[in-house]
Structure formats: C-alpha cells, structure tokens
Amino acid sequence: MFGGGNKIKVDPDLLERIKKIAEVAGYASHEEFIMHVLEREVAQFEDASSDEDITEKLRGLGYIS
C-alpha cells in the first residue's frame, strides 16, 4: 500500500496508537487505516472551488490561524 518508494515518517508513539486503533476498528492493517483517514481528509478539500475555500476550511479545522 505504501510501496513505490513513497515513505512517510510517523512518530513512533503515534504509530503505536494508530496500530492499536486499526486493530480494534477491524482494519486489515494500520496502513489500510492510515489510507482511509487520509482519503477522508482529502475528500473534504476536493470540493473546494478555490485556494481561498481551502484556506478557510483549513482555518475552520484549526490547522492554520
């Protein structure tokens, strides 16, 4: 799932939390859980009509101030 040379560094403590959540939630792997979360988050921004819309959504979520 993360093949092709793409790598993302994740804090070891966060990765352990992700693994536990993925297992309890019934995902086949923690990679599957990560992909699901990323796809869901990206989908929130795909319907934005402009960069300003994206900025406002990020601001609303607290990612930027």
N, C-alpha and C. Protein backbone atom coordinates (compact mmCIF):
# COMPACT_ATOMS: atom_id res chain seq x y z
N MET A 1 0.82 -1.19 0.00
CA MET A 1 0.00 0.00 0.00
C MET A 1 0.87 1.26 0.00
N PHE A 2 1.97 1.23 0.72
CA PHE A 2 2.87 2.37 0.75
C PHE A 2 4.10 2.09 -0.11
N GLY A 3 3.97 1.20 -1.08
CA GLY A 3 5.10 0.83 -1.91
C GLY A 3 5.48 1.93 -2.88
N GLY A 4 6.36 1.61 -3.78
CA GLY A 4 6.77 2.55 -4.81
C GLY A 4 7.75 3.60 -4.33
N GLY A 5 8.36 3.38 -3.18
CA GLY A 5 9.36 4.32 -2.69
C GLY A 5 8.79 5.48 -1.91
N ASN A 6 7.48 5.60 -1.82
CA ASN A 6 6.88 6.66 -1.01
C ASN A 6 6.99 6.30 0.45
N LYS A 7 7.53 7.24 1.23
CA LYS A 7 7.68 6.98 2.66
C LYS A 7 7.21 8.19 3.43
N ILE A 8 6.55 7.93 4.53
CA ILE A 8 6.11 8.98 5.42
C ILE A 8 6.64 8.64 6.81
N LYS A 9 7.31 9.59 7.43
CA LYS A 9 7.80 9.38 8.79
C LYS A 9 6.69 9.69 9.77
N VAL A 10 6.49 8.78 10.70
CA VAL A 10 5.48 8.94 11.73
C VAL A 10 6.16 8.73 13.08
N ASP A 11 5.84 9.61 14.01
CA ASP A 11 6.37 9.48 15.36
C ASP A 11 6.07 8.08 15.88
N PRO A 12 7.04 7.41 16.49
CA PRO A 12 6.82 6.04 16.96
C PRO A 12 5.64 5.90 17.93
N ASP A 13 5.45 6.86 18.81
CA ASP A 13 4.32 6.79 19.74
C ASP A 13 2.99 6.89 18.99
N LEU A 14 2.93 7.78 18.01
CA LEU A 14 1.72 7.92 17.21
C LEU A 14 1.46 6.64 16.42
N LEU A 15 2.50 6.05 15.87
CA LEU A 15 2.34 4.82 15.10
C LEU A 15 1.78 3.70 15.97
N GLU A 16 2.22 3.59 17.20
CA GLU A 16 1.68 2.57 18.09
C GLU A 16 0.21 2.82 18.37
N ARG A 17 -0.18 4.07 18.56
CA ARG A 17 -1.59 4.42 18.77
C ARG A 17 -2.41 4.06 17.54
N ILE A 18 -1.86 4.37 16.35
CA ILE A 18 -2.54 4.04 15.10
C ILE A 18 -2.74 2.54 14.97
N LYS A 19 -1.72 1.77 15.28
CA LYS A 19 -1.81 0.31 15.17
C LYS A 19 -2.89 -0.24 16.09
N LYS A 20 -2.98 0.28 17.31
CA LYS A 20 -4.00 -0.19 18.26
C LYS A 20 -5.39 0.15 17.75
N ILE A 21 -5.57 1.38 17.29
CA ILE A 21 -6.88 1.80 16.79
C ILE A 21 -7.28 0.97 15.58
N ALA A 22 -6.35 0.76 14.66
CA ALA A 22 -6.65 -0.01 13.44
C ALA A 22 -7.07 -1.43 13.79
N GLU A 23 -6.40 -2.01 14.75
CA GLU A 23 -6.74 -3.39 15.15
C GLU A 23 -8.14 -3.44 15.78
N VAL A 24 -8.41 -2.54 16.71
CA VAL A 24 -9.71 -2.53 17.38
C VAL A 24 -10.84 -2.23 16.39
N ALA A 25 -10.56 -1.35 15.42
CA ALA A 25 -11.59 -0.95 14.45
C ALA A 25 -11.79 -1.99 13.36
N GLY A 26 -10.94 -3.01 13.32
CA GLY A 26 -11.14 -4.10 12.37
C GLY A 26 -10.47 -3.91 11.02
N TYR A 27 -9.55 -2.98 10.92
CA TYR A 27 -8.83 -2.82 9.66
C TYR A 27 -7.84 -3.97 9.48
N ALA A 28 -7.56 -4.30 8.22
CA ALA A 28 -6.64 -5.39 7.92
C ALA A 28 -5.21 -5.05 8.34
N SER A 29 -4.89 -3.77 8.33
CA SER A 29 -3.55 -3.32 8.72
C SER A 29 -3.61 -1.86 9.12
N HIS A 30 -2.55 -1.41 9.76
CA HIS A 30 -2.51 0.01 10.11
C HIS A 30 -2.36 0.88 8.86
N GLU A 31 -1.73 0.32 7.82
CA GLU A 31 -1.62 1.06 6.56
C GLU A 31 -2.99 1.31 5.95
N GLU A 32 -3.87 0.31 6.02
CA GLU A 32 -5.22 0.46 5.49
C GLU A 32 -5.97 1.57 6.26
N PHE A 33 -5.81 1.58 7.56
CA PHE A 33 -6.44 2.62 8.38
C PHE A 33 -5.91 4.00 8.02
N ILE A 34 -4.60 4.13 7.87
CA ILE A 34 -4.00 5.41 7.50
C ILE A 34 -4.53 5.89 6.16
N MET A 35 -4.60 4.99 5.18
CA MET A 35 -5.12 5.36 3.86
C MET A 35 -6.56 5.83 3.96
N HIS A 36 -7.37 5.15 4.75
CA HIS A 36 -8.77 5.54 4.92
C HIS A 36 -8.88 6.94 5.52
N VAL A 37 -8.10 7.20 6.56
CA VAL A 37 -8.14 8.51 7.20
C VAL A 37 -7.67 9.60 6.23
N LEU A 38 -6.60 9.35 5.51
CA LEU A 38 -6.10 10.34 4.55
C LEU A 38 -7.10 10.60 3.43
N GLU A 39 -7.70 9.54 2.91
CA GLU A 39 -8.70 9.71 1.84
C GLU A 39 -9.88 10.53 2.33
N ARG A 40 -10.33 10.27 3.55
CA ARG A 40 -11.46 11.01 4.11
C ARG A 40 -11.11 12.49 4.30
N GLU A 41 -9.91 12.78 4.77
CA GLU A 41 -9.50 14.16 4.98
C GLU A 41 -9.32 14.90 3.66
N VAL A 42 -8.71 14.25 2.68
CA VAL A 42 -8.50 14.88 1.37
C VAL A 42 -9.84 15.17 0.70
N ALA A 43 -10.81 14.28 0.86
CA ALA A 43 -12.12 14.48 0.25
C ALA A 43 -12.79 15.76 0.72
N GLN A 44 -12.50 16.18 1.93
CA GLN A 44 -13.08 17.43 2.45
C GLN A 44 -12.66 18.64 1.64
N PHE A 45 -11.51 18.56 1.01
CA PHE A 45 -10.96 19.70 0.29
C PHE A 45 -11.14 19.61 -1.22
N GLU A 46 -11.48 18.45 -1.72
CA GLU A 46 -11.61 18.28 -3.16
C GLU A 46 -12.77 19.05 -3.76
N ASP A 47 -13.79 19.34 -2.96
CA ASP A 47 -14.93 20.08 -3.49
C ASP A 47 -14.75 21.59 -3.39
N ALA A 48 -13.62 22.04 -2.90
CA ALA A 48 -13.35 23.48 -2.79
C ALA A 48 -13.19 24.06 -4.20
N SER A 49 -13.75 25.23 -4.39
CA SER A 49 -13.71 25.84 -5.72
C SER A 49 -12.51 26.75 -5.93
N SER A 50 -11.80 27.06 -4.85
CA SER A 50 -10.64 27.94 -4.99
C SER A 50 -9.67 27.70 -3.84
N ASP A 51 -8.47 28.27 -3.98
CA ASP A 51 -7.49 28.19 -2.90
C ASP A 51 -8.02 28.87 -1.64
N GLU A 52 -8.81 29.91 -1.81
CA GLU A 52 -9.37 30.62 -0.66
C GLU A 52 -10.34 29.72 0.11
N ASP A 53 -11.12 28.92 -0.61
CA ASP A 53 -12.02 27.97 0.05
C ASP A 53 -11.23 26.96 0.87
N ILE A 54 -10.15 26.47 0.30
CA ILE A 54 -9.31 25.50 1.01
C ILE A 54 -8.72 26.15 2.26
N THR A 55 -8.23 27.39 2.12
CA THR A 55 -7.65 28.10 3.25
C THR A 55 -8.69 28.27 4.37
N GLU A 56 -9.91 28.61 4.00
CA GLU A 56 -10.96 28.79 5.00
C GLU A 56 -11.31 27.47 5.69
N LYS A 57 -11.33 26.38 4.93
CA LYS A 57 -11.60 25.08 5.53
C LYS A 57 -10.49 24.69 6.50
N LEU A 58 -9.25 24.92 6.12
CA LEU A 58 -8.13 24.62 7.00
C LEU A 58 -8.18 25.49 8.25
N ARG A 59 -8.53 26.74 8.08
CA ARG A 59 -8.65 27.65 9.22
C ARG A 59 -9.77 27.16 10.15
N GLY A 60 -10.89 26.76 9.59
CA GLY A 60 -12.01 26.26 10.38
C GLY A 60 -11.68 25.01 11.16
N LEU A 61 -10.79 24.19 10.61
CA LEU A 61 -10.37 22.97 11.30
C LEU A 61 -9.25 23.22 12.31
N GLY A 62 -8.73 24.46 12.32
CA GLY A 62 -7.67 24.79 13.26
C GLY A 62 -6.27 24.46 12.79
N TYR A 63 -6.12 24.08 11.51
CA TYR A 63 -4.80 23.75 11.00
C TYR A 63 -3.95 24.99 10.75
N ILE A 64 -4.59 26.11 10.44
CA ILE A 64 -3.88 27.37 10.26
C ILE A 64 -4.65 28.45 11.00
N SER A 65 -3.94 29.55 11.30
CA SER A 65 -4.61 30.65 12.03
C SER A 65 -4.65 31.91 11.20
